[in-house]
Amino acid sequence: MRGGEKLWVNTPSFGPGLELSHSFFNPGVSKFDLTLFVGNEDGLLSTGFEYATDLFEESTIIQLQEHLRLLLETITTTPDQKIADITMLTASEKAIFLDNPQKVENHIASFVGIHKAIEHVAKTQPDKTALTFEDVSISYETLNREAEKVAVALLGKIKKNNETIVLCSERSIDMIVGMLGILKAGCAYLPIDPNYPSDRLD
């Protein structure tokens, strides 16, 4: 449209021999982290997911779609069923989680802090890999030892327990060490993204 002129576009109207259908268009960029599209075609629901590939693996989305299918199928075939009784597990997942007779003994008490759980594993399986980030891995023993160093340093500076400690760090093994060290010192951590604008960091 130029100079205030109107632009008219002829669009087809419904009529004999004209059929319309819809298809999901992949723009190549996700506008949101995760979006569910639902359409109605010939009385059937069709669904599609748009997702951020840096947050979700394709296998995760496929699993999510299968869970949604099972949920909708159960609701429509047995509408009187209680929500609590509806399962979204596939046959293969049931075989893994429900039908597997092998029991794994839990040596860690319920509701124990993560730093305490890591201490336990550091004593029982010290050489087992605890963290892997990019091409670097550390054992539970090393993780626990480094976290202890952070805790000792904090205890020499904080005035009281239960303080909130700001943890400004990129994703790394050091970030996890810092989190555990803060917990060991009896404090809470507040993670801050160092890429935030300086006025937000202040």
Protein backbone atom coordinates (compact mmCIF):
# COMPACT_ATOMS: atom_id res chain seq x y z
CA MET A 1 0.00 0.00 0.00
CA ARG A 2 1.43 3.34 -1.08
CA GLY A 3 0.07 6.87 -0.94
CA GLY A 4 -3.01 5.83 1.02
CA GLU A 5 -4.12 3.38 -1.67
CA LYS A 6 -5.86 0.20 -0.58
CA LEU A 7 -4.56 -3.17 -1.64
CA TRP A 8 -7.18 -5.85 -2.23
CA VAL A 9 -6.38 -9.54 -2.39
CA ASN A 10 -8.81 -12.04 -3.86
CA THR A 11 -9.12 -15.11 -1.66
CA PRO A 12 -10.94 -18.32 -2.61
CA SER A 13 -14.33 -18.92 -1.04
CA PHE A 14 -15.94 -22.21 -0.18
CA GLY A 15 -17.64 -23.91 -3.07
CA PRO A 16 -18.00 -27.17 -5.00
CA GLY A 17 -14.75 -29.02 -5.45
CA LEU A 18 -12.86 -26.80 -3.01
CA GLU A 19 -11.20 -28.51 -0.06
CA LEU A 20 -9.23 -26.79 2.68
CA SER A 21 -6.78 -28.41 5.05
CA HIS A 22 -4.27 -27.15 7.57
CA SER A 23 -0.68 -28.12 8.19
CA PHE A 24 1.82 -27.16 10.84
CA PHE A 25 4.43 -24.74 9.58
CA ASN A 26 7.95 -24.88 10.97
CA PRO A 27 9.32 -21.32 11.11
CA GLY A 28 12.72 -22.60 12.24
CA VAL A 29 12.60 -20.50 15.42
CA SER A 30 10.57 -21.15 18.56
CA LYS A 31 8.81 -18.06 19.88
CA PHE A 32 8.46 -19.61 23.34
CA ASP A 33 10.20 -22.40 25.28
CA LEU A 34 7.35 -24.82 24.61
CA THR A 35 4.08 -24.34 22.70
CA LEU A 36 1.32 -26.86 22.02
CA PHE A 37 -0.78 -26.41 18.86
CA VAL A 38 -4.11 -28.22 18.60
CA GLY A 39 -6.22 -28.40 15.46
CA ASN A 40 -9.53 -30.00 14.47
CA GLU A 41 -9.64 -31.83 11.16
CA ASP A 42 -12.52 -34.07 10.10
CA GLY A 43 -13.61 -34.39 13.72
CA LEU A 44 -10.17 -35.49 14.87
CA LEU A 45 -7.72 -33.58 17.03
CA SER A 46 -4.23 -33.07 15.67
CA THR A 47 -1.43 -31.76 17.86
CA GLY A 48 2.00 -30.34 17.30
CA PHE A 49 4.73 -29.02 19.55
CA GLU A 50 6.98 -26.05 18.92
CA TYR A 51 9.95 -26.05 21.28
CA ALA A 52 13.34 -24.53 21.95
CA THR A 53 15.94 -27.05 20.84
CA ASP A 54 18.50 -25.72 23.31
CA LEU A 55 16.16 -26.71 26.16
CA PHE A 56 14.50 -29.91 24.94
CA GLU A 57 15.71 -33.01 23.14
CA GLU A 58 13.53 -34.37 20.34
CA SER A 59 13.13 -37.62 22.29
CA THR A 60 11.68 -35.65 25.23
CA ILE A 61 9.07 -34.00 23.01
CA ILE A 62 8.15 -37.33 21.42
CA GLN A 63 7.67 -38.79 24.89
CA LEU A 64 5.60 -35.76 25.93
CA GLN A 65 3.37 -36.12 22.87
CA GLU A 66 2.85 -39.81 23.58
CA HIS A 67 1.88 -39.02 27.18
CA LEU A 68 -0.60 -36.43 25.93
CA ARG A 69 -2.08 -38.94 23.49
CA LEU A 70 -2.55 -41.53 26.23
CA LEU A 71 -4.08 -38.93 28.54
CA LEU A 72 -6.62 -37.76 25.95
CA GLU A 73 -7.40 -41.32 24.91
CA THR A 74 -8.09 -42.36 28.51
CA ILE A 75 -10.26 -39.31 29.22
CA THR A 76 -12.41 -39.86 26.13
CA THR A 77 -12.81 -43.64 26.48
CA THR A 78 -13.38 -43.68 30.26
CA PRO A 79 -14.66 -40.20 31.19
CA ASP A 80 -15.81 -41.35 34.65
CA GLN A 81 -12.31 -42.37 35.70
CA LYS A 82 -10.73 -40.37 38.52
CA ILE A 83 -7.85 -38.11 37.53
CA ALA A 84 -5.69 -39.76 40.19
CA ASP A 85 -6.18 -43.13 38.47
CA ILE A 86 -5.23 -41.96 34.99
CA THR A 87 -1.83 -43.16 33.84
CA MET A 88 0.30 -41.53 31.16
CA LEU A 89 2.94 -44.26 31.11
CA THR A 90 3.49 -46.13 27.87
CA ALA A 91 3.77 -49.91 27.81
CA SER A 92 7.57 -49.73 27.69
CA GLU A 93 7.66 -47.27 30.60
CA LYS A 94 5.37 -49.50 32.67
CA ALA A 95 7.73 -52.39 32.05
CA ILE A 96 10.62 -50.32 33.37
CA PHE A 97 8.99 -48.57 36.32
CA LEU A 98 6.17 -50.89 37.42
CA ASP A 99 6.91 -54.42 36.27
CA ASN A 100 10.64 -54.53 37.03
CA PRO A 101 11.06 -56.91 40.00
CA GLN A 102 14.56 -55.66 40.75
CA LYS A 103 14.63 -53.56 43.90
CA VAL A 104 17.22 -50.91 44.61
CA GLU A 105 17.92 -50.40 48.29
CA ASN A 106 17.97 -46.79 49.43
CA HIS A 107 20.75 -46.22 51.95
CA ILE A 108 19.96 -42.53 52.35
CA ALA A 109 17.23 -41.34 54.69
CA SER A 110 14.30 -39.47 53.21
CA PHE A 111 14.41 -35.67 53.07
CA VAL A 112 18.17 -35.53 53.67
CA GLY A 113 19.95 -32.50 52.24
CA ILE A 114 21.67 -32.98 48.90
CA HIS A 115 25.02 -32.06 50.46
CA LYS A 116 24.53 -34.82 53.05
CA ALA A 117 23.64 -37.32 50.34
CA ILE A 118 26.81 -36.44 48.44
CA GLU A 119 28.85 -36.82 51.62
CA HIS A 120 27.43 -40.32 51.97
CA VAL A 121 28.35 -41.32 48.42
CA ALA A 122 31.79 -39.71 48.81
CA LYS A 123 32.44 -42.13 51.68
CA THR A 124 30.94 -45.25 50.12
CA GLN A 125 31.89 -44.73 46.45
CA PRO A 126 34.59 -42.04 46.46
CA ASP A 127 35.89 -42.72 42.95
CA LYS A 128 32.49 -42.73 41.25
CA THR A 129 31.95 -39.88 38.81
CA ALA A 130 29.79 -37.19 40.39
CA LEU A 131 29.82 -34.45 37.76
CA THR A 132 30.69 -34.13 34.10
CA PHE A 133 30.71 -30.75 32.39
CA GLU A 134 31.91 -30.54 28.81
CA ASP A 135 35.14 -32.57 28.85
CA VAL A 136 35.83 -32.38 32.61
CA SER A 137 34.69 -34.93 35.20
CA ILE A 138 35.22 -35.10 38.96
CA SER A 139 34.55 -37.82 41.51
CA TYR A 140 32.28 -37.64 44.54
CA GLU A 141 35.32 -37.50 46.81
CA THR A 142 36.74 -34.51 44.94
CA LEU A 143 33.37 -32.77 44.79
CA ASN A 144 32.83 -33.18 48.51
CA ARG A 145 36.37 -32.06 49.35
CA GLU A 146 36.13 -28.90 47.25
CA ALA A 147 32.72 -28.09 48.70
CA GLU A 148 34.18 -28.46 52.20
CA LYS A 149 36.80 -25.84 51.33
CA VAL A 150 34.08 -23.41 50.28
CA ALA A 151 32.16 -24.09 53.49
CA VAL A 152 35.21 -23.47 55.67
CA ALA A 153 35.92 -20.19 53.87
CA LEU A 154 32.32 -19.05 54.32
CA LEU A 155 32.18 -19.97 57.99
CA GLY A 156 35.14 -17.68 58.56
CA LYS A 157 33.26 -14.72 57.07
CA ILE A 158 29.55 -15.04 57.82
CA LYS A 159 28.16 -13.67 61.06
CA LYS A 160 25.29 -16.10 61.53
CA ASN A 161 23.76 -19.27 60.13
CA ASN A 162 20.93 -19.29 57.62
CA GLU A 163 22.32 -16.33 55.71
CA THR A 164 21.52 -16.07 52.01
CA ILE A 165 24.67 -16.15 49.91
CA VAL A 166 24.57 -14.78 46.37
CA LEU A 167 26.17 -17.19 43.92
CA CYS A 168 27.07 -15.42 40.68
CA SER A 169 28.54 -17.99 38.32
CA GLU A 170 28.32 -19.42 34.83
CA ARG A 171 27.18 -23.02 34.48
CA SER A 172 30.19 -25.03 35.55
CA ILE A 173 31.49 -27.56 38.03
CA ASP A 174 32.61 -24.67 40.22
CA MET A 175 29.00 -23.49 40.42
CA ILE A 176 27.89 -26.85 41.83
CA VAL A 177 30.83 -26.84 44.24
CA GLY A 178 29.78 -23.39 45.41
CA MET A 179 26.16 -24.44 45.90
CA LEU A 180 27.16 -27.45 47.99
CA GLY A 181 29.68 -25.44 49.99
CA ILE A 182 27.04 -22.86 50.87
CA LEU A 183 24.68 -25.61 52.03
CA LYS A 184 27.43 -27.20 54.11
CA ALA A 185 27.96 -23.85 55.82
CA GLY A 186 24.32 -23.87 56.89
CA CYS A 187 23.28 -21.12 54.51
CA ALA A 188 21.00 -20.71 51.51
CA TYR A 189 22.24 -19.81 48.04
CA LEU A 190 20.74 -17.35 45.58
CA PRO A 191 21.97 -18.14 42.05
CA ILE A 192 22.52 -15.10 39.84
CA ASP A 193 23.30 -15.16 36.12
CA PRO A 194 26.49 -13.12 35.56
CA ASN A 195 25.12 -12.14 32.15
CA TYR A 196 22.43 -10.02 33.77
CA PRO A 197 22.76 -6.25 33.29
CA SER A 198 25.00 -4.62 35.89
CA ASP A 199 22.12 -2.69 37.45
CA ARG A 200 20.29 -5.95 38.14
CA LEU A 201 23.40 -7.55 39.61
CA ASP A 202 23.80 -4.61 41.98
